Amino acid sequence: MNLPCQKLKLERTGLFFLIEPAIEALRSQAEMTRFGKQHEVEVNLREYGRKEKHECTFVFDPRLTGRNYLAGDHYAVGSIKKIWDAHIKRAGLRHRNAYQTRHTYACWSLSAGANPNFIATQMGHADAQMVYKVYGKWMAEKNTEQVALLNQKLSDFAPSLPHDEVMNG
């Protein structure tokens, strides 16, 4: 599944790919919210004074989990931070800002052997330079695995010639 998303930072449209657990979470949530009312949202763009209006059906609805009837149609920026902080505390984790999950995603993906160019695109970077600069040390840890991968892949299409035969010219 891929979701089109306007990249305001780069003023271009990007295509982002989700891993299976994220797709399943969105599918599960969609069962409760996909037929919800559309709301007009004004988006402030990076260029000063430039705005766009979008019709949105929100994926997460605060009325589904609200403890009272005061919940609005959507979450405010400040309320997301409060919810995040409460969940981190309840889970017994050291406090981290939600933004830091980007770094976790990058580190885990690179440790799993993902292509740095793919990760850069997923994170909205114009190229992989930032990924190499910030996360290069995680890529170096995979060097022995890369050698094994090359040995296996290269032997599939470039087999070694027997060394015991002498070729006459």
C-alpha atoms as a PDB file:
ATOM      1  CA  MET A   1       0.000   0.000   0.000  1.00  0.00           C
ATOM      2  CA  ASN A   2       1.309   3.444  -0.788  1.00  0.00           C
ATOM      3  CA  LEU A   3      -0.184   6.756   0.183  1.00  0.00           C
ATOM      4  CA  PRO A   4       0.242   9.935  -1.846  1.00  0.00           C
ATOM      5  CA  CYS A   5       1.327  12.798   0.349  1.00  0.00           C
ATOM      6  CA  GLN A   6       2.152  16.403  -0.422  1.00  0.00           C
ATOM      7  CA  LYS A   7       5.675  17.160   0.710  1.00  0.00           C
ATOM      8  CA  LEU A   8       5.451  20.759   1.843  1.00  0.00           C
ATOM      9  CA  LYS A   9       9.143  20.926   2.738  1.00  0.00           C
ATOM     10  CA  LEU A  10      10.207  20.123  -0.806  1.00  0.00           C
ATOM     11  CA  GLU A  11       7.100  21.505  -2.540  1.00  0.00           C
ATOM     12  CA  ARG A  12       6.616  18.273  -4.444  1.00  0.00           C
ATOM     13  CA  THR A  13       4.410  15.236  -4.224  1.00  0.00           C
ATOM     14  CA  GLY A  14       6.031  12.134  -2.821  1.00  0.00           C
ATOM     15  CA  LEU A  15       5.105   8.495  -2.619  1.00  0.00           C
ATOM     16  CA  PHE A  16       5.659   6.743   0.684  1.00  0.00           C
ATOM     17  CA  PHE A  17       5.521   3.015   1.315  1.00  0.00           C
ATOM     18  CA  LEU A  18       4.244   1.538   4.545  1.00  0.00           C
ATOM     19  CA  ILE A  19       5.437  -1.655   6.174  1.00  0.00           C
ATOM     20  CA  GLU A  20       2.851  -4.332   6.935  1.00  0.00           C
ATOM     21  CA  PRO A  21       2.281  -3.488  10.653  1.00  0.00           C
ATOM     22  CA  ALA A  22       1.465   0.126   9.710  1.00  0.00           C
ATOM     23  CA  ILE A  23      -0.924  -1.009   6.978  1.00  0.00           C
ATOM     24  CA  GLU A  24      -2.671  -3.356   9.410  1.00  0.00           C
ATOM     25  CA  ALA A  25      -2.982  -0.579  12.022  1.00  0.00           C
ATOM     26  CA  LEU A  26      -4.575   1.737   9.451  1.00  0.00           C
ATOM     27  CA  ARG A  27      -6.918  -0.997   8.195  1.00  0.00           C
ATOM     28  CA  SER A  28      -8.000  -1.721  11.747  1.00  0.00           C
ATOM     29  CA  GLN A  29      -8.587   1.961  12.421  1.00  0.00           C
ATOM     30  CA  ALA A  30     -10.439   2.396   9.111  1.00  0.00           C
ATOM     31  CA  GLU A  31     -13.117  -0.009  10.305  1.00  0.00           C
ATOM     32  CA  MET A  32     -14.104   2.647  12.836  1.00  0.00           C
ATOM     33  CA  THR A  33     -13.503   5.889  10.951  1.00  0.00           C
ATOM     34  CA  ARG A  34     -13.516   5.523   7.162  1.00  0.00           C
ATOM     35  CA  PHE A  35     -17.135   6.584   6.776  1.00  0.00           C
ATOM     36  CA  GLY A  36     -16.722   9.576   9.047  1.00  0.00           C
ATOM     37  CA  LYS A  37     -17.755  13.090   8.183  1.00  0.00           C
ATOM     38  CA  GLN A  38     -15.388  15.099   5.988  1.00  0.00           C
ATOM     39  CA  HIS A  39     -13.949  18.285   7.443  1.00  0.00           C
ATOM     40  CA  GLU A  40     -12.408  21.232   5.653  1.00  0.00           C
ATOM     41  CA  VAL A  41      -8.910  21.876   6.952  1.00  0.00           C
ATOM     42  CA  GLU A  42      -6.745  24.879   6.189  1.00  0.00           C
ATOM     43  CA  VAL A  43      -3.098  23.918   5.749  1.00  0.00           C
ATOM     44  CA  ASN A  44      -0.395  26.544   6.264  1.00  0.00           C
ATOM     45  CA  LEU A  45       2.363  25.967   3.720  1.00  0.00           C
ATOM     46  CA  ARG A  46       6.037  26.762   4.237  1.00  0.00           C
ATOM     47  CA  GLU A  47       5.869  29.825   2.025  1.00  0.00           C
ATOM     48  CA  TYR A  48       4.758  32.709   4.247  1.00  0.00           C
ATOM     49  CA  GLY A  49       1.066  33.442   3.938  1.00  0.00           C
ATOM     50  CA  ARG A  50       0.381  30.588   1.521  1.00  0.00           C
ATOM     51  CA  LYS A  51      -2.480  28.295   2.522  1.00  0.00           C
ATOM     52  CA  GLU A  52      -4.520  25.512   0.991  1.00  0.00           C
ATOM     53  CA  LYS A  53      -7.841  23.998   1.974  1.00  0.00           C
ATOM     54  CA  HIS A  54      -8.297  20.232   2.008  1.00  0.00           C
ATOM     55  CA  GLU A  55     -11.313  18.017   2.618  1.00  0.00           C
ATOM     56  CA  CYS A  56     -10.253  15.390   5.155  1.00  0.00           C
ATOM     57  CA  THR A  57     -11.743  12.351   6.807  1.00  0.00           C
ATOM     58  CA  PHE A  58      -9.638  11.841   9.897  1.00  0.00           C
ATOM     59  CA  VAL A  59      -8.113   8.437  10.551  1.00  0.00           C
ATOM     60  CA  PHE A  60      -8.090   8.916  14.318  1.00  0.00           C
ATOM     61  CA  ASP A  61     -11.226  10.286  15.983  1.00  0.00           C
ATOM     62  CA  PRO A  62     -10.930  11.558  19.569  1.00  0.00           C
ATOM     63  CA  ARG A  63     -14.636  10.895  20.139  1.00  0.00           C
ATOM     64  CA  LEU A  64     -13.990   7.129  19.967  1.00  0.00           C
ATOM     65  CA  THR A  65     -11.679   7.165  22.976  1.00  0.00           C
ATOM     66  CA  GLY A  66     -12.796  10.326  24.760  1.00  0.00           C
ATOM     67  CA  ARG A  67     -13.676  10.059  28.431  1.00  0.00           C
ATOM     68  CA  ASN A  68     -16.327  12.733  28.153  1.00  0.00           C
ATOM     69  CA  TYR A  69     -18.516  14.287  25.495  1.00  0.00           C
ATOM     70  CA  LEU A  70     -16.267  17.313  25.047  1.00  0.00           C
ATOM     71  CA  ALA A  71     -13.994  15.722  22.428  1.00  0.00           C
ATOM     72  CA  GLY A  72     -13.877  17.540  19.100  1.00  0.00           C
ATOM     73  CA  ASP A  73     -13.797  16.225  15.558  1.00  0.00           C
ATOM     74  CA  HIS A  74     -10.015  15.977  15.440  1.00  0.00           C
ATOM     75  CA  TYR A  75      -6.946  16.113  17.612  1.00  0.00           C
ATOM     76  CA  ALA A  76      -5.171  19.399  18.204  1.00  0.00           C
ATOM     77  CA  VAL A  77      -1.386  19.568  17.980  1.00  0.00           C
ATOM     78  CA  GLY A  78      -1.072  20.072  21.739  1.00  0.00           C
ATOM     79  CA  SER A  79      -3.346  17.160  22.594  1.00  0.00           C
ATOM     80  CA  ILE A  80      -1.247  14.721  20.561  1.00  0.00           C
ATOM     81  CA  LYS A  81       1.798  15.585  22.685  1.00  0.00           C
ATOM     82  CA  LYS A  82      -0.183  14.992  25.878  1.00  0.00           C
ATOM     83  CA  ILE A  83      -1.450  11.633  24.611  1.00  0.00           C
ATOM     84  CA  TRP A  84       2.058  10.623  23.482  1.00  0.00           C
ATOM     85  CA  ASP A  85       3.616  11.580  26.821  1.00  0.00           C
ATOM     86  CA  ALA A  86       0.935   9.692  28.775  1.00  0.00           C
ATOM     87  CA  HIS A  87       1.437   6.522  26.721  1.00  0.00           C
ATOM     88  CA  ILE A  88       5.237   6.684  27.046  1.00  0.00           C
ATOM     89  CA  LYS A  89       4.903   7.062  30.814  1.00  0.00           C
ATOM     90  CA  ARG A  90       2.334   4.248  31.085  1.00  0.00           C
ATOM     91  CA  ALA A  91       4.651   1.954  29.095  1.00  0.00           C
ATOM     92  CA  GLY A  92       7.494   2.710  31.519  1.00  0.00           C
ATOM     93  CA  LEU A  93       9.738   4.102  28.790  1.00  0.00           C
ATOM     94  CA  ARG A  94      12.254   6.909  29.043  1.00  0.00           C
ATOM     95  CA  HIS A  95      10.681  10.107  27.711  1.00  0.00           C
ATOM     96  CA  ARG A  96      11.253  10.787  24.024  1.00  0.00           C
ATOM     97  CA  ASN A  97       9.548  13.220  21.711  1.00  0.00           C
ATOM     98  CA  ALA A  98       7.384  11.634  19.025  1.00  0.00           C
ATOM     99  CA  TYR A  99       9.664  13.219  16.405  1.00  0.00           C
ATOM    100  CA  GLN A 100      12.487  10.943  17.567  1.00  0.00           C
ATOM    101  CA  THR A 101      10.624   7.946  16.144  1.00  0.00           C
ATOM    102  CA  ARG A 102      12.038   9.061  12.778  1.00  0.00           C
ATOM    103  CA  HIS A 103      15.507   8.213  14.063  1.00  0.00           C
ATOM    104  CA  THR A 104      14.317   4.872  15.399  1.00  0.00           C
ATOM    105  CA  TYR A 105      12.764   4.075  12.017  1.00  0.00           C
ATOM    106  CA  ALA A 106      15.967   4.993  10.179  1.00  0.00           C
ATOM    107  CA  CYS A 107      18.258   3.041  12.536  1.00  0.00           C
ATOM    108  CA  TRP A 108      16.111  -0.078  12.572  1.00  0.00           C
ATOM    109  CA  SER A 109      15.605   0.001   8.798  1.00  0.00           C
ATOM    110  CA  LEU A 110      19.311   0.401   8.100  1.00  0.00           C
ATOM    111  CA  SER A 111      20.156  -2.318  10.623  1.00  0.00           C
ATOM    112  CA  ALA A 112      17.740  -4.594   8.761  1.00  0.00           C
ATOM    113  CA  GLY A 113      19.682  -3.899   5.554  1.00  0.00           C
ATOM    114  CA  ALA A 114      17.367  -1.398   3.847  1.00  0.00           C
ATOM    115  CA  ASN A 115      18.751   0.699   1.001  1.00  0.00           C
ATOM    116  CA  PRO A 116      19.827   4.156   2.320  1.00  0.00           C
ATOM    117  CA  ASN A 117      18.336   5.857  -0.753  1.00  0.00           C
ATOM    118  CA  PHE A 118      14.972   4.251  -0.014  1.00  0.00           C
ATOM    119  CA  ILE A 119      15.156   5.361   3.625  1.00  0.00           C
ATOM    120  CA  ALA A 120      16.027   8.922   2.557  1.00  0.00           C
ATOM    121  CA  THR A 121      12.979   9.027   0.283  1.00  0.00           C
ATOM    122  CA  GLN A 122      10.756   7.623   3.025  1.00  0.00           C
ATOM    123  CA  MET A 123      11.961  10.325   5.399  1.00  0.00           C
ATOM    124  CA  GLY A 124      11.372  13.102   2.873  1.00  0.00           C
ATOM    125  CA  HIS A 125      15.020  13.933   2.194  1.00  0.00           C
ATOM    126  CA  ALA A 126      16.008  15.099  -1.291  1.00  0.00           C
ATOM    127  CA  ASP A 127      18.896  12.607  -1.348  1.00  0.00           C
ATOM    128  CA  ALA A 128      20.691  10.081   0.857  1.00  0.00           C
ATOM    129  CA  GLN A 129      23.446  12.441   2.086  1.00  0.00           C
ATOM    130  CA  MET A 130      21.692  13.088   5.403  1.00  0.00           C
ATOM    131  CA  VAL A 131      21.165   9.355   5.935  1.00  0.00           C
ATOM    132  CA  TYR A 132      24.855   8.618   5.319  1.00  0.00           C
ATOM    133  CA  LYS A 133      25.974  11.497   7.531  1.00  0.00           C
ATOM    134  CA  VAL A 134      23.706  10.785  10.507  1.00  0.00           C
ATOM    135  CA  TYR A 135      23.280   7.015  10.336  1.00  0.00           C
ATOM    136  CA  GLY A 136      26.484   5.868   8.612  1.00  0.00           C
ATOM    137  CA  LYS A 137      27.748   4.074  11.712  1.00  0.00           C
ATOM    138  CA  TRP A 138      24.748   1.714  11.639  1.00  0.00           C
ATOM    139  CA  MET A 139      25.481   0.858   8.031  1.00  0.00           C
ATOM    140  CA  ALA A 140      29.133   0.010   8.801  1.00  0.00           C
ATOM    141  CA  GLU A 141      27.963  -2.600  11.309  1.00  0.00           C
ATOM    142  CA  LYS A 142      26.460  -4.547   8.399  1.00  0.00           C
ATOM    143  CA  ASN A 143      29.737  -4.873   6.434  1.00  0.00           C
ATOM    144  CA  THR A 144      30.255  -8.591   7.121  1.00  0.00           C
ATOM    145  CA  GLU A 145      26.668  -9.307   6.105  1.00  0.00           C
ATOM    146  CA  GLN A 146      27.198  -7.287   2.927  1.00  0.00           C
ATOM    147  CA  VAL A 147      30.233  -9.404   2.006  1.00  0.00           C
ATOM    148  CA  ALA A 148      28.177 -12.577   2.500  1.00  0.00           C
ATOM    149  CA  LEU A 149      25.382 -11.089   0.389  1.00  0.00           C
ATOM    150  CA  LEU A 150      27.798 -10.186  -2.417  1.00  0.00           C
ATOM    151  CA  ASN A 151      29.394 -13.638  -2.316  1.00  0.00           C
ATOM    152  CA  GLN A 152      25.996 -15.254  -2.673  1.00  0.00           C
ATOM    153  CA  LYS A 153      24.482 -12.882  -5.252  1.00  0.00           C
ATOM    154  CA  LEU A 154      27.564 -12.573  -7.445  1.00  0.00           C
ATOM    155  CA  SER A 155      28.067 -16.332  -7.561  1.00  0.00           C
ATOM    156  CA  ASP A 156      24.530 -16.666  -8.932  1.00  0.00           C
ATOM    157  CA  PHE A 157      25.316 -14.799 -12.156  1.00  0.00           C
ATOM    158  CA  ALA A 158      29.120 -14.710 -12.288  1.00  0.00           C
ATOM    159  CA  PRO A 159      30.362 -18.202 -11.461  1.00  0.00           C
ATOM    160  CA  SER A 160      34.053 -18.729 -10.883  1.00  0.00           C
ATOM    161  CA  LEU A 161      36.049 -20.420 -13.617  1.00  0.00           C
ATOM    162  CA  PRO A 162      37.878 -23.572 -12.637  1.00  0.00           C
ATOM    163  CA  HIS A 163      41.453 -22.687 -11.712  1.00  0.00           C
ATOM    164  CA  ASP A 164      42.878 -26.114 -12.489  1.00  0.00           C
ATOM    165  CA  GLU A 165      42.450 -25.673 -16.238  1.00  0.00           C
ATOM    166  CA  VAL A 166      45.057 -23.752 -18.190  1.00  0.00           C
ATOM    167  CA  MET A 167      43.772 -21.899 -21.160  1.00  0.00           C
ATOM    168  CA  ASN A 168      45.999 -21.901 -24.239  1.00  0.00           C
ATOM    169  CA  GLY A 169      46.063 -18.721 -26.302  1.00  0.00           C
END
